[in-house]
Amino acid sequence: WKAQGLRLAYVAQHAFHHLEKHMQKTPTDYIMWRFAGNDDRESLEFKTDELSVDEEAARARKWCIDSVTGNCRLCTDPKEDAKKAKQDEAGAVIPDAVCNRRQKKKEKTFEYEVKWQFKSMDQNCWVEKDILVKMGYLKLVQREDERQAAMAGLMTKQLTQPGVEKHLGEFGVDPESASHTQINQLSGGMKVKIVLAAAMWQNPHVLILDEPTNYLDREGLGALILAIKDYKGGVLIISHNKEFCDHVATEKWIMNKGYLRIEGESVDTSATDGNAQVGPDEVFDGAGNKIEVKKSVTMTDKDRKKAIKDIEKKIKDNKKKQTMTDEEVWELEDKLNELKEALKS
């Protein structure tokens, strides 16, 4: 299971594996190739197109578009109605691609615009996620979810040469190396910086590092330890280096001789004892806009009315500008309902 808005980044155990097929490119060209179209071409989830047994079984069943409702449904069983079954099978549809996604606000779920095989784009229709999963096309759904999440993460970045050069510069890659030097001419340390910069291009919520001590020197590991401690997202590290793990991990899952044990726990460091209201002074939405956090233990009716007005304005502005992700809108709507309920009581 994966949350629909989650952005996940992965750095392989053999870090240079990411660059092996791109040695003749410059670092800037590599990143622009990898993330063209708001999609990560090296995404873990879509490395394989092989179908599972369940997916094969699901795709064996035939689906059609209901001529009355316009919804996608299973074809009628010939045993129930042979004539209708024949008509349904003649109009059977098979998903070819998912082109877009939209929110069903009332149910807080998504529908996906599906392009059907051997049919023109004007015959596309919106299909609920549950139906697509039942049809055996979970991978198409996940790919579109990842693309939408990537778009939300890239609202403050442009996939242009200056934009990529600026991003690489934050990882210690100078403009000359970034845009005018092929990857095969760079040192091992510089290649690692490129791999890490590429992994962080989409502003991931969770970063997975597989055996980072294999490809970083002592100085690089020191810098990585400091960066992980400052990083506000989640970090999952797979490592045999106990010293390194002790420096960065608050929760450790240790596999030894076929047995798994857990040490420590992940703690929300933004909270402190004796004060439940402690938190960040400011947060940023998907477009990078700063939102100041007002910390108060209680709210008066006047405060609630003002907060309701502010939230309604943000939701209204978002309908025009589309600057927030669906998850952020849902969070605002939940907060709005809470405030209205509190005001009534």
C-alpha atoms as a PDB file:
ATOM      1  CA  TRP A   1       0.000   0.000   0.000  1.00  0.00           C
ATOM      2  CA  LYS A   2       1.192   3.522  -0.783  1.00  0.00           C
ATOM      3  CA  ALA A   3      -0.453   6.864   0.006  1.00  0.00           C
ATOM      4  CA  GLN A   4      -1.649   8.542  -3.182  1.00  0.00           C
ATOM      5  CA  GLY A   5       0.244  11.789  -2.621  1.00  0.00           C
ATOM      6  CA  LEU A   6       3.484  10.223  -1.414  1.00  0.00           C
ATOM      7  CA  ARG A   7       6.741  11.064  -3.185  1.00  0.00           C
ATOM      8  CA  LEU A   8       9.339   8.353  -2.687  1.00  0.00           C
ATOM      9  CA  ALA A   9      13.015   8.524  -3.678  1.00  0.00           C
ATOM     10  CA  TYR A  10      15.470   5.625  -3.816  1.00  0.00           C
ATOM     11  CA  VAL A  11      19.264   5.444  -4.100  1.00  0.00           C
ATOM     12  CA  ALA A  12      20.422   1.940  -5.009  1.00  0.00           C
ATOM     13  CA  GLN A  13      23.123  -0.015  -3.186  1.00  0.00           C
ATOM     14  CA  HIS A  14      25.343   0.370  -6.243  1.00  0.00           C
ATOM     15  CA  ALA A  15      24.745   4.104  -6.632  1.00  0.00           C
ATOM     16  CA  PHE A  16      26.443   4.340 -10.034  1.00  0.00           C
ATOM     17  CA  HIS A  17      23.824   1.911 -11.374  1.00  0.00           C
ATOM     18  CA  HIS A  18      21.599   4.974 -11.870  1.00  0.00           C
ATOM     19  CA  LEU A  19      24.180   6.516 -14.230  1.00  0.00           C
ATOM     20  CA  GLU A  20      25.515   3.498 -16.140  1.00  0.00           C
ATOM     21  CA  LYS A  21      23.404   4.122 -19.261  1.00  0.00           C
ATOM     22  CA  HIS A  22      23.977   7.876 -19.246  1.00  0.00           C
ATOM     23  CA  MET A  23      27.755   8.240 -19.116  1.00  0.00           C
ATOM     24  CA  GLN A  24      27.795  10.297 -22.348  1.00  0.00           C
ATOM     25  CA  LYS A  25      25.288  12.802 -20.945  1.00  0.00           C
ATOM     26  CA  THR A  26      26.017  15.806 -18.747  1.00  0.00           C
ATOM     27  CA  PRO A  27      24.495  15.758 -15.245  1.00  0.00           C
ATOM     28  CA  THR A  28      21.955  18.391 -16.334  1.00  0.00           C
ATOM     29  CA  ASP A  29      20.938  16.332 -19.380  1.00  0.00           C
ATOM     30  CA  TYR A  30      20.562  13.226 -17.198  1.00  0.00           C
ATOM     31  CA  ILE A  31      18.168  14.913 -14.751  1.00  0.00           C
ATOM     32  CA  MET A  32      16.187  16.544 -17.577  1.00  0.00           C
ATOM     33  CA  TRP A  33      15.852  13.137 -19.284  1.00  0.00           C
ATOM     34  CA  ARG A  34      14.924  11.304 -16.085  1.00  0.00           C
ATOM     35  CA  PHE A  35      12.138  13.677 -15.015  1.00  0.00           C
ATOM     36  CA  ALA A  36      10.723  14.750 -18.384  1.00  0.00           C
ATOM     37  CA  GLY A  37       6.930  14.806 -18.330  1.00  0.00           C
ATOM     38  CA  ASN A  38       6.722  15.037 -14.516  1.00  0.00           C
ATOM     39  CA  ASP A  39       7.486  11.328 -14.259  1.00  0.00           C
ATOM     40  CA  ASP A  40      10.505   9.566 -12.777  1.00  0.00           C
ATOM     41  CA  ARG A  41      11.707   7.118 -15.413  1.00  0.00           C
ATOM     42  CA  GLU A  42      13.663   5.227 -12.762  1.00  0.00           C
ATOM     43  CA  SER A  43      10.722   4.785 -10.398  1.00  0.00           C
ATOM     44  CA  LEU A  44      10.903   1.551  -8.429  1.00  0.00           C
ATOM     45  CA  GLU A  45       7.235   0.687  -8.862  1.00  0.00           C
ATOM     46  CA  PHE A  46       7.353   0.535 -12.640  1.00  0.00           C
ATOM     47  CA  LYS A  47      10.628  -1.315 -13.216  1.00  0.00           C
ATOM     48  CA  THR A  48       8.636  -4.375 -14.268  1.00  0.00           C
ATOM     49  CA  ASP A  49       5.622  -4.806 -16.502  1.00  0.00           C
ATOM     50  CA  GLU A  50       5.141  -8.413 -15.431  1.00  0.00           C
ATOM     51  CA  LEU A  51       1.643  -9.180 -14.206  1.00  0.00           C
ATOM     52  CA  SER A  52       0.921 -10.905 -10.922  1.00  0.00           C
ATOM     53  CA  VAL A  53      -1.392 -13.920 -10.809  1.00  0.00           C
ATOM     54  CA  ASP A  54      -4.187 -11.733  -9.399  1.00  0.00           C
ATOM     55  CA  GLU A  55      -3.738  -9.135 -12.154  1.00  0.00           C
ATOM     56  CA  GLU A  56      -3.867 -11.799 -14.868  1.00  0.00           C
ATOM     57  CA  ALA A  57      -7.058 -13.247 -13.381  1.00  0.00           C
ATOM     58  CA  ALA A  58      -8.647  -9.780 -13.112  1.00  0.00           C
ATOM     59  CA  ARG A  59      -7.776  -8.884 -16.717  1.00  0.00           C
ATOM     60  CA  ALA A  60      -9.311 -12.133 -17.960  1.00  0.00           C
ATOM     61  CA  ARG A  61     -12.759 -10.778 -17.095  1.00  0.00           C
ATOM     62  CA  LYS A  62     -14.393  -8.547 -19.695  1.00  0.00           C
ATOM     63  CA  TRP A  63     -15.672  -5.038 -19.009  1.00  0.00           C
ATOM     64  CA  CYS A  64     -17.809  -2.661 -21.051  1.00  0.00           C
ATOM     65  CA  ILE A  65     -19.273   0.861 -20.941  1.00  0.00           C
ATOM     66  CA  ASP A  66     -22.930   0.861 -19.903  1.00  0.00           C
ATOM     67  CA  SER A  67     -24.954   2.474 -22.698  1.00  0.00           C
ATOM     68  CA  VAL A  68     -27.396   4.036 -20.190  1.00  0.00           C
ATOM     69  CA  THR A  69     -25.214   5.303 -17.332  1.00  0.00           C
ATOM     70  CA  GLY A  70     -21.923   5.669 -19.223  1.00  0.00           C
ATOM     71  CA  ASN A  71     -20.125   3.883 -16.381  1.00  0.00           C
ATOM     72  CA  CYS A  72     -17.683   1.021 -16.743  1.00  0.00           C
ATOM     73  CA  ARG A  73     -19.081  -2.345 -15.608  1.00  0.00           C
ATOM     74  CA  LEU A  74     -18.573  -6.090 -15.996  1.00  0.00           C
ATOM     75  CA  CYS A  75     -20.020  -7.653 -19.127  1.00  0.00           C
ATOM     76  CA  THR A  76     -23.250  -9.559 -18.554  1.00  0.00           C
ATOM     77  CA  ASP A  77     -22.925 -13.284 -17.935  1.00  0.00           C
ATOM     78  CA  PRO A  78     -24.268 -15.263 -20.960  1.00  0.00           C
ATOM     79  CA  LYS A  79     -26.079 -17.567 -18.535  1.00  0.00           C
ATOM     80  CA  GLU A  80     -28.126 -14.626 -17.271  1.00  0.00           C
ATOM     81  CA  ASP A  81     -28.921 -12.915 -20.579  1.00  0.00           C
ATOM     82  CA  ALA A  82     -27.285 -14.289 -23.730  1.00  0.00           C
ATOM     83  CA  LYS A  83     -28.431 -11.442 -25.981  1.00  0.00           C
ATOM     84  CA  LYS A  84     -27.220  -8.684 -23.658  1.00  0.00           C
ATOM     85  CA  ALA A  85     -23.980 -10.568 -23.007  1.00  0.00           C
ATOM     86  CA  LYS A  86     -23.285 -10.648 -26.746  1.00  0.00           C
ATOM     87  CA  GLN A  87     -23.897  -6.878 -27.036  1.00  0.00           C
ATOM     88  CA  ASP A  88     -21.648  -6.177 -24.026  1.00  0.00           C
ATOM     89  CA  GLU A  89     -18.799  -8.304 -25.390  1.00  0.00           C
ATOM     90  CA  ALA A  90     -19.026  -6.539 -28.751  1.00  0.00           C
ATOM     91  CA  GLY A  91     -18.403  -3.253 -26.930  1.00  0.00           C
ATOM     92  CA  ALA A  92     -15.814  -4.577 -24.452  1.00  0.00           C
ATOM     93  CA  VAL A  93     -13.095  -2.107 -23.445  1.00  0.00           C
ATOM     94  CA  ILE A  94      -9.483  -2.530 -22.317  1.00  0.00           C
ATOM     95  CA  PRO A  95      -7.544   0.345 -20.650  1.00  0.00           C
ATOM     96  CA  ASP A  96      -4.617   1.602 -22.694  1.00  0.00           C
ATOM     97  CA  ALA A  97      -3.462   4.489 -20.499  1.00  0.00           C
ATOM     98  CA  VAL A  98      -4.534   6.804 -17.698  1.00  0.00           C
ATOM     99  CA  CYS A  99      -4.409  10.428 -18.851  1.00  0.00           C
ATOM    100  CA  ASN A 100      -5.557  12.421 -15.829  1.00  0.00           C
ATOM    101  CA  ARG A 101      -7.011  12.307 -12.330  1.00  0.00           C
ATOM    102  CA  ARG A 102      -9.746  14.271 -10.599  1.00  0.00           C
ATOM    103  CA  GLN A 103     -11.161  14.366  -7.096  1.00  0.00           C
ATOM    104  CA  LYS A 104     -14.636  13.260  -6.051  1.00  0.00           C
ATOM    105  CA  LYS A 105     -15.004  15.760  -3.241  1.00  0.00           C
ATOM    106  CA  LYS A 106     -17.982  14.223  -1.477  1.00  0.00           C
ATOM    107  CA  GLU A 107     -16.438  10.740  -1.201  1.00  0.00           C
ATOM    108  CA  LYS A 108     -12.864  12.091  -0.979  1.00  0.00           C
ATOM    109  CA  THR A 109     -11.734   9.589  -3.605  1.00  0.00           C
ATOM    110  CA  PHE A 110     -10.335   9.886  -7.125  1.00  0.00           C
ATOM    111  CA  GLU A 111     -11.534   9.148 -10.629  1.00  0.00           C
ATOM    112  CA  TYR A 112      -9.154   8.538 -13.525  1.00  0.00           C
ATOM    113  CA  GLU A 113      -9.515   9.522 -17.176  1.00  0.00           C
ATOM    114  CA  VAL A 114      -8.939   6.324 -19.145  1.00  0.00           C
ATOM    115  CA  LYS A 115      -7.861   6.030 -22.773  1.00  0.00           C
ATOM    116  CA  TRP A 116      -9.190   2.735 -24.198  1.00  0.00           C
ATOM    117  CA  GLN A 117      -7.302   0.474 -26.584  1.00  0.00           C
ATOM    118  CA  PHE A 118      -8.200   0.987 -30.272  1.00  0.00           C
ATOM    119  CA  LYS A 119     -10.488   3.920 -29.422  1.00  0.00           C
ATOM    120  CA  SER A 120      -9.963   7.634 -30.034  1.00  0.00           C
ATOM    121  CA  MET A 121      -9.286  10.160 -27.257  1.00  0.00           C
ATOM    122  CA  ASP A 122     -12.796  11.607 -27.514  1.00  0.00           C
ATOM    123  CA  GLN A 123     -14.102   8.261 -26.228  1.00  0.00           C
ATOM    124  CA  ASN A 124     -12.135   8.556 -22.983  1.00  0.00           C
ATOM    125  CA  CYS A 125     -14.198   8.325 -19.821  1.00  0.00           C
ATOM    126  CA  TRP A 126     -13.732   8.734 -16.064  1.00  0.00           C
ATOM    127  CA  VAL A 127     -13.444   5.517 -14.052  1.00  0.00           C
ATOM    128  CA  GLU A 128     -13.279   5.120 -10.272  1.00  0.00           C
ATOM    129  CA  LYS A 129     -10.097   3.766  -8.743  1.00  0.00           C
ATOM    130  CA  ASP A 130     -11.805   0.689  -7.262  1.00  0.00           C
ATOM    131  CA  ILE A 131     -13.093  -0.309 -10.711  1.00  0.00           C
ATOM    132  CA  LEU A 132      -9.646   0.019 -12.318  1.00  0.00           C
ATOM    133  CA  VAL A 133      -8.121  -2.094  -9.545  1.00  0.00           C
ATOM    134  CA  LYS A 134     -10.791  -4.760 -10.058  1.00  0.00           C
ATOM    135  CA  MET A 135      -9.995  -4.680 -13.787  1.00  0.00           C
ATOM    136  CA  GLY A 136      -6.349  -5.494 -12.931  1.00  0.00           C
ATOM    137  CA  TYR A 137      -4.811  -2.111 -13.735  1.00  0.00           C
ATOM    138  CA  LEU A 138      -3.466  -0.995 -10.355  1.00  0.00           C
ATOM    139  CA  LYS A 139      -0.092  -0.151 -11.954  1.00  0.00           C
ATOM    140  CA  LEU A 140      -1.738   2.430 -14.247  1.00  0.00           C
ATOM    141  CA  VAL A 141      -3.424   4.020 -11.230  1.00  0.00           C
ATOM    142  CA  GLN A 142      -0.177   4.102  -9.265  1.00  0.00           C
ATOM    143  CA  ARG A 143       1.701   5.620 -12.196  1.00  0.00           C
ATOM    144  CA  GLU A 144      -0.805   8.471 -12.465  1.00  0.00           C
ATOM    145  CA  ASP A 145      -0.759   8.991  -8.671  1.00  0.00           C
ATOM    146  CA  GLU A 146       3.024   9.231  -8.801  1.00  0.00           C
ATOM    147  CA  ARG A 147       2.892  11.663 -11.720  1.00  0.00           C
ATOM    148  CA  GLN A 148       0.432  13.907  -9.864  1.00  0.00           C
ATOM    149  CA  ALA A 149       2.550  13.749  -6.693  1.00  0.00           C
ATOM    150  CA  ALA A 150       5.635  14.662  -8.724  1.00  0.00           C
ATOM    151  CA  MET A 151       3.825  17.661 -10.212  1.00  0.00           C
ATOM    152  CA  ALA A 152       2.953  18.855  -6.702  1.00  0.00           C
ATOM    153  CA  GLY A 153       6.582  18.492  -5.632  1.00  0.00           C
ATOM    154  CA  LEU A 154       7.896  20.404  -8.632  1.00  0.00           C
ATOM    155  CA  MET A 155       5.670  23.488  -8.424  1.00  0.00           C
ATOM    156  CA  THR A 156       8.653  25.544  -7.270  1.00  0.00           C
ATOM    157  CA  LYS A 157      11.127  24.007  -9.737  1.00  0.00           C
ATOM    158  CA  GLN A 158      11.531  24.282 -13.476  1.00  0.00           C
ATOM    159  CA  LEU A 159      13.029  21.473 -15.528  1.00  0.00           C
ATOM    160  CA  THR A 160      15.301  23.843 -17.438  1.00  0.00           C
ATOM    161  CA  GLN A 161      19.084  24.114 -17.620  1.00  0.00           C
ATOM    162  CA  PRO A 162      19.260  27.050 -15.136  1.00  0.00           C
ATOM    163  CA  GLY A 163      16.804  25.305 -12.791  1.00  0.00           C
ATOM    164  CA  VAL A 164      18.731  22.038 -12.816  1.00  0.00           C
ATOM    165  CA  GLU A 165      22.092  23.812 -12.458  1.00  0.00           C
ATOM    166  CA  LYS A 166      20.797  25.621  -9.372  1.00  0.00           C
ATOM    167  CA  HIS A 167      19.581  22.330  -7.856  1.00  0.00           C
ATOM    168  CA  LEU A 168      22.887  20.563  -8.566  1.00  0.00           C
ATOM    169  CA  GLY A 169      24.749  23.525  -7.072  1.00  0.00           C
ATOM    170  CA  GLU A 170      23.023  22.837  -3.746  1.00  0.00           C
ATOM    171  CA  PHE A 171      24.757  19.434  -3.758  1.00  0.00           C
ATOM    172  CA  GLY A 172      28.187  20.830  -4.546  1.00  0.00           C
ATOM    173  CA  VAL A 173      28.152  20.367  -8.334  1.00  0.00           C
ATOM    174  CA  ASP A 174      29.478  23.514 -10.050  1.00  0.00           C
ATOM    175  CA  PRO A 175      27.809  24.829 -13.270  1.00  0.00           C
ATOM    176  CA  GLU A 176      30.802  23.810 -15.422  1.00  0.00           C
ATOM    177  CA  SER A 177      30.547  20.186 -14.278  1.00  0.00           C
ATOM    178  CA  ALA A 178      26.742  20.262 -14.390  1.00  0.00           C
ATOM    179  CA  SER A 179      26.249  21.386 -17.993  1.00  0.00           C
ATOM    180  CA  HIS A 180      29.579  21.141 -19.811  1.00  0.00           C
ATOM    181  CA  THR A 181      31.167  17.895 -18.590  1.00  0.00           C
ATOM    182  CA  GLN A 182      30.094  14.359 -19.416  1.00  0.00           C
ATOM    183  CA  ILE A 183      29.355  12.105 -16.439  1.00  0.00           C
ATOM    184  CA  ASN A 184      32.097   9.625 -17.433  1.00  0.00           C
ATOM    185  CA  GLN A 185      34.698  12.374 -16.954  1.00  0.00           C
ATOM    186  CA  LEU A 186      33.641  13.170 -13.373  1.00  0.00           C
ATOM    187  CA  SER A 187      35.139  11.742 -10.182  1.00  0.00           C
ATOM    188  CA  GLY A 188      33.363   9.078  -8.113  1.00  0.00           C
ATOM    189  CA  GLY A 189      32.497  11.594  -5.415  1.00  0.00           C
ATOM    190  CA  MET A 190      30.938  13.946  -7.954  1.00  0.00           C
ATOM    191  CA  LYS A 191      28.883  11.099  -9.423  1.00  0.00           C
ATOM    192  CA  VAL A 192      27.474  10.313  -5.975  1.00  0.00           C
ATOM    193  CA  LYS A 193      26.449  13.948  -5.590  1.00  0.00           C
ATOM    194  CA  ILE A 194      24.609  13.739  -8.920  1.00  0.00           C
ATOM    195  CA  VAL A 195      22.763  10.581  -7.857  1.00  0.00           C
ATOM    196  CA  LEU A 196      21.688  12.186  -4.552  1.00  0.00           C
ATOM    197  CA  ALA A 197      20.671  15.411  -6.304  1.00  0.00           C
ATOM    198  CA  ALA A 198      18.549  13.432  -8.781  1.00  0.00           C
ATOM    199  CA  ALA A 199      16.890  11.492  -5.946  1.00  0.00           C
ATOM    200  CA  MET A 200      15.933  14.770  -4.247  1.00  0.00           C
ATOM    201  CA  TRP A 201      14.695  16.538  -7.405  1.00  0.00           C
ATOM    202  CA  GLN A 202      11.022  15.813  -6.681  1.00  0.00           C
ATOM    203  CA  ASN A 203      11.179  16.969  -3.035  1.00  0.00           C
ATOM    204  CA  PRO A 204      10.412  13.452  -1.726  1.00  0.00           C
ATOM    205  CA  HIS A 205       8.533  12.814   1.502  1.00  0.00           C
ATOM    206  CA  VAL A 206      10.540   9.632   2.105  1.00  0.00           C
ATOM    207  CA  LEU A 207      14.130   8.908   1.007  1.00  0.00           C
ATOM    208  CA  ILE A 208      15.449   5.312   0.877  1.00  0.00           C
ATOM    209  CA  LEU A 209      19.235   4.854   0.993  1.00  0.00           C
ATOM    210  CA  ASP A 210      20.505   1.333   0.310  1.00  0.00           C
ATOM    211  CA  GLU A 211      23.958   0.788   1.864  1.00  0.00           C
ATOM    212  CA  PRO A 212      25.116   4.443   1.594  1.00  0.00           C
ATOM    213  CA  THR A 213      28.443   3.624   3.270  1.00  0.00           C
ATOM    214  CA  ASN A 214      29.387   1.587   0.180  1.00  0.00           C
ATOM    215  CA  TYR A 215      29.728   4.632  -2.077  1.00  0.00           C
ATOM    216  CA  LEU A 216      30.563   7.544   0.261  1.00  0.00           C
ATOM    217  CA  ASP A 217      33.949   8.385   1.784  1.00  0.00           C
ATOM    218  CA  ARG A 218      34.289   9.461   5.422  1.00  0.00           C
ATOM    219  CA  GLU A 219      33.886  13.159   4.608  1.00  0.00           C
ATOM    220  CA  GLY A 220      30.824  12.422   2.483  1.00  0.00           C
ATOM    221  CA  LEU A 221      29.285  10.293   5.223  1.00  0.00           C
ATOM    222  CA  GLY A 222      29.788  13.107   7.723  1.00  0.00           C
ATOM    223  CA  ALA A 223      27.989  15.524   5.434  1.00  0.00           C
ATOM    224  CA  LEU A 224      25.199  12.978   4.845  1.00  0.00           C
ATOM    225  CA  ILE A 225      24.720  12.461   8.598  1.00  0.00           C
ATOM    226  CA  LEU A 226      24.266  16.213   9.117  1.00  0.00           C
ATOM    227  CA  ALA A 227      21.897  16.441   6.129  1.00  0.00           C
ATOM    228  CA  ILE A 228      19.744  13.548   7.382  1.00  0.00           C
ATOM    229  CA  LYS A 229      19.440  15.136  10.824  1.00  0.00           C
ATOM    230  CA  ASP A 230      18.245  18.410   9.235  1.00  0.00           C
ATOM    231  CA  TYR A 231      15.951  16.720   6.693  1.00  0.00           C
ATOM    232  CA  LYS A 232      12.271  17.170   7.567  1.00  0.00           C
ATOM    233  CA  GLY A 233      11.037  14.128   5.643  1.00  0.00           C
ATOM    234  CA  GLY A 234      11.363  10.442   6.449  1.00  0.00           C
ATOM    235  CA  VAL A 235      14.587   8.512   5.831  1.00  0.00           C
ATOM    236  CA  LEU A 236      14.827   4.728   5.536  1.00  0.00           C
ATOM    237  CA  ILE A 237      18.385   3.354   5.570  1.00  0.00           C
ATOM    238  CA  ILE A 238      19.481  -0.198   4.775  1.00  0.00           C
ATOM    239  CA  SER A 239      22.986  -0.683   6.168  1.00  0.00           C
ATOM    240  CA  HIS A 240      25.386  -3.101   7.839  1.00  0.00           C
ATOM    241  CA  ASN A 241      27.407  -0.189   9.289  1.00  0.00           C
ATOM    242  CA  LYS A 242      26.384   0.004  12.964  1.00  0.00           C
ATOM    243  CA  GLU A 243      28.395   3.165  13.658  1.00  0.00           C
ATOM    244  CA  PHE A 244      26.644   5.043  10.858  1.00  0.00           C
ATOM    245  CA  CYS A 245      23.179   3.814  11.906  1.00  0.00           C
ATOM    246  CA  ASP A 246      23.778   4.809  15.527  1.00  0.00           C
ATOM    247  CA  HIS A 247      24.424   8.383  14.376  1.00  0.00           C
ATOM    248  CA  VAL A 248      21.274   8.805  12.270  1.00  0.00           C
ATOM    249  CA  ALA A 249      18.599   6.276  13.293  1.00  0.00           C
ATOM    250  CA  THR A 250      16.120   6.688  16.134  1.00  0.00           C
ATOM    251  CA  GLU A 251      14.412   3.383  15.331  1.00  0.00           C
ATOM    252  CA  LYS A 252      16.303   0.311  14.149  1.00  0.00           C
ATOM    253  CA  TRP A 253      14.937  -2.955  12.740  1.00  0.00           C
ATOM    254  CA  ILE A 254      17.699  -5.527  13.106  1.00  0.00           C
ATOM    255  CA  MET A 255      17.650  -8.852  11.246  1.00  0.00           C
ATOM    256  CA  ASN A 256      19.970 -11.442  12.753  1.00  0.00           C
ATOM    257  CA  LYS A 257      19.991 -15.172  11.946  1.00  0.00           C
ATOM    258  CA  GLY A 258      16.423 -15.105  10.652  1.00  0.00           C
ATOM    259  CA  TYR A 259      15.037 -13.168  13.631  1.00  0.00           C
ATOM    260  CA  LEU A 260      13.875  -9.559  13.566  1.00  0.00           C
ATOM    261  CA  ARG A 261      14.037  -7.271  16.564  1.00  0.00           C
ATOM    262  CA  ILE A 262      13.229  -3.584  16.920  1.00  0.00           C
ATOM    263  CA  GLU A 263      15.264  -1.102  18.946  1.00  0.00           C
ATOM    264  CA  GLY A 264      14.146   2.438  19.780  1.00  0.00           C
ATOM    265  CA  GLU A 265      11.223   4.233  18.156  1.00  0.00           C
ATOM    266  CA  SER A 266      10.548   7.063  15.740  1.00  0.00           C
ATOM    267  CA  VAL A 267       9.728  10.186  17.735  1.00  0.00           C
ATOM    268  CA  ASP A 268       8.141  13.421  16.579  1.00  0.00           C
ATOM    269  CA  THR A 269      10.887  15.835  17.589  1.00  0.00           C
ATOM    270  CA  SER A 270       8.629  18.841  17.004  1.00  0.00           C
ATOM    271  CA  ALA A 271       6.735  18.037  20.228  1.00  0.00           C
ATOM    272  CA  THR A 272       8.157  18.577  23.720  1.00  0.00           C
ATOM    273  CA  ASP A 273       6.979  17.453  27.117  1.00  0.00           C
ATOM    274  CA  GLY A 274       4.544  19.703  28.890  1.00  0.00           C
ATOM    275  CA  ASN A 275       3.511  21.686  25.832  1.00  0.00           C
ATOM    276  CA  ALA A 276       1.337  19.977  23.219  1.00  0.00           C
ATOM    277  CA  GLN A 277       1.106  23.132  21.168  1.00  0.00           C
ATOM    278  CA  VAL A 278       4.794  23.296  20.301  1.00  0.00           C
ATOM    279  CA  GLY A 279       5.353  22.905  16.546  1.00  0.00           C
ATOM    280  CA  PRO A 280       6.870  24.666  13.561  1.00  0.00           C
ATOM    281  CA  ASP A 281       6.362  28.408  13.329  1.00  0.00           C
ATOM    282  CA  GLU A 282       5.671  28.147   9.621  1.00  0.00           C
ATOM    283  CA  VAL A 283       4.862  25.499   7.017  1.00  0.00           C
ATOM    284  CA  PHE A 284       4.850  25.511   3.213  1.00  0.00           C
ATOM    285  CA  ASP A 285       2.138  24.357   0.836  1.00  0.00           C
ATOM    286  CA  GLY A 286       2.741  22.427  -2.417  1.00  0.00           C
ATOM    287  CA  ALA A 287       3.554  25.666  -4.260  1.00  0.00           C
ATOM    288  CA  GLY A 288       6.157  26.735  -1.713  1.00  0.00           C
ATOM    289  CA  ASN A 289       3.953  29.451  -0.205  1.00  0.00           C
ATOM    290  CA  LYS A 290       4.727  30.178   3.436  1.00  0.00           C
ATOM    291  CA  ILE A 291       1.837  29.643   5.845  1.00  0.00           C
ATOM    292  CA  GLU A 292       2.346  30.972   9.357  1.00  0.00           C
ATOM    293  CA  VAL A 293       1.201  28.648  12.131  1.00  0.00           C
ATOM    294  CA  LYS A 294      -0.737  30.317  14.910  1.00  0.00           C
ATOM    295  CA  LYS A 295      -0.308  28.482  18.178  1.00  0.00           C
ATOM    296  CA  SER A 296      -3.048  28.984  20.715  1.00  0.00           C
ATOM    297  CA  VAL A 297      -4.514  26.669  23.297  1.00  0.00           C
ATOM    298  CA  THR A 298      -8.074  27.980  22.989  1.00  0.00           C
ATOM    299  CA  MET A 299      -9.957  29.974  20.396  1.00  0.00           C
ATOM    300  CA  THR A 300     -12.730  32.462  20.928  1.00  0.00           C
ATOM    301  CA  ASP A 301     -15.752  32.574  18.625  1.00  0.00           C
ATOM    302  CA  LYS A 302     -14.247  35.659  17.042  1.00  0.00           C
ATOM    303  CA  ASP A 303     -11.013  33.764  16.309  1.00  0.00           C
ATOM    304  CA  ARG A 304     -12.967  30.849  14.855  1.00  0.00           C
ATOM    305  CA  LYS A 305     -14.974  33.111  12.533  1.00  0.00           C
ATOM    306  CA  LYS A 306     -11.775  34.749  11.304  1.00  0.00           C
ATOM    307  CA  ALA A 307     -10.119  31.352  10.773  1.00  0.00           C
ATOM    308  CA  ILE A 308     -13.174  30.091   8.851  1.00  0.00           C
ATOM    309  CA  LYS A 309     -13.070  33.151   6.616  1.00  0.00           C
ATOM    310  CA  ASP A 310      -9.329  32.698   5.949  1.00  0.00           C
ATOM    311  CA  ILE A 311      -9.698  28.998   5.090  1.00  0.00           C
ATOM    312  CA  GLU A 312     -12.678  29.613   2.795  1.00  0.00           C
ATOM    313  CA  LYS A 313     -10.622  32.267   0.983  1.00  0.00           C
ATOM    314  CA  LYS A 314      -7.687  29.847   0.532  1.00  0.00           C
ATOM    315  CA  ILE A 315      -9.988  27.145  -0.862  1.00  0.00           C
ATOM    316  CA  LYS A 316     -11.629  29.649  -3.214  1.00  0.00           C
ATOM    317  CA  ASP A 317      -8.244  30.954  -4.432  1.00  0.00           C
ATOM    318  CA  ASN A 318      -7.037  27.385  -4.999  1.00  0.00           C
ATOM    319  CA  LYS A 319      -9.968  26.666  -7.332  1.00  0.00           C
ATOM    320  CA  LYS A 320      -8.665  29.429  -9.597  1.00  0.00           C
ATOM    321  CA  LYS A 321      -4.906  28.984  -9.255  1.00  0.00           C
ATOM    322  CA  GLN A 322      -4.597  25.251  -8.378  1.00  0.00           C
ATOM    323  CA  THR A 323      -1.618  25.874  -6.065  1.00  0.00           C
ATOM    324  CA  MET A 324      -2.399  23.167  -3.497  1.00  0.00           C
ATOM    325  CA  THR A 325      -2.434  19.379  -3.663  1.00  0.00           C
ATOM    326  CA  ASP A 326      -5.668  17.448  -3.121  1.00  0.00           C
ATOM    327  CA  GLU A 327      -4.413  16.295   0.298  1.00  0.00           C
ATOM    328  CA  GLU A 328      -3.820  19.892   1.409  1.00  0.00           C
ATOM    329  CA  VAL A 329      -7.307  20.885   0.264  1.00  0.00           C
ATOM    330  CA  TRP A 330      -8.830  17.976   2.157  1.00  0.00           C
ATOM    331  CA  GLU A 331      -6.928  19.007   5.280  1.00  0.00           C
ATOM    332  CA  LEU A 332      -8.252  22.554   4.987  1.00  0.00           C
ATOM    333  CA  GLU A 333     -11.800  21.279   4.449  1.00  0.00           C
ATOM    334  CA  ASP A 334     -11.549  19.061   7.548  1.00  0.00           C
ATOM    335  CA  LYS A 335     -10.253  22.008   9.576  1.00  0.00           C
ATOM    336  CA  LEU A 336     -13.082  24.159   8.236  1.00  0.00           C
ATOM    337  CA  ASN A 337     -15.685  21.597   9.326  1.00  0.00           C
ATOM    338  CA  GLU A 338     -14.090  21.341  12.782  1.00  0.00           C
ATOM    339  CA  LEU A 339     -14.207  25.110  13.238  1.00  0.00           C
ATOM    340  CA  LYS A 340     -17.837  25.300  12.108  1.00  0.00           C
ATOM    341  CA  GLU A 341     -18.838  22.500  14.489  1.00  0.00           C
ATOM    342  CA  ALA A 342     -16.983  24.199  17.358  1.00  0.00           C
ATOM    343  CA  LEU A 343     -18.731  27.486  16.540  1.00  0.00           C
ATOM    344  CA  LYS A 344     -22.157  25.827  16.657  1.00  0.00           C
ATOM    345  CA  SER A 345     -21.479  24.245  20.038  1.00  0.00           C
END
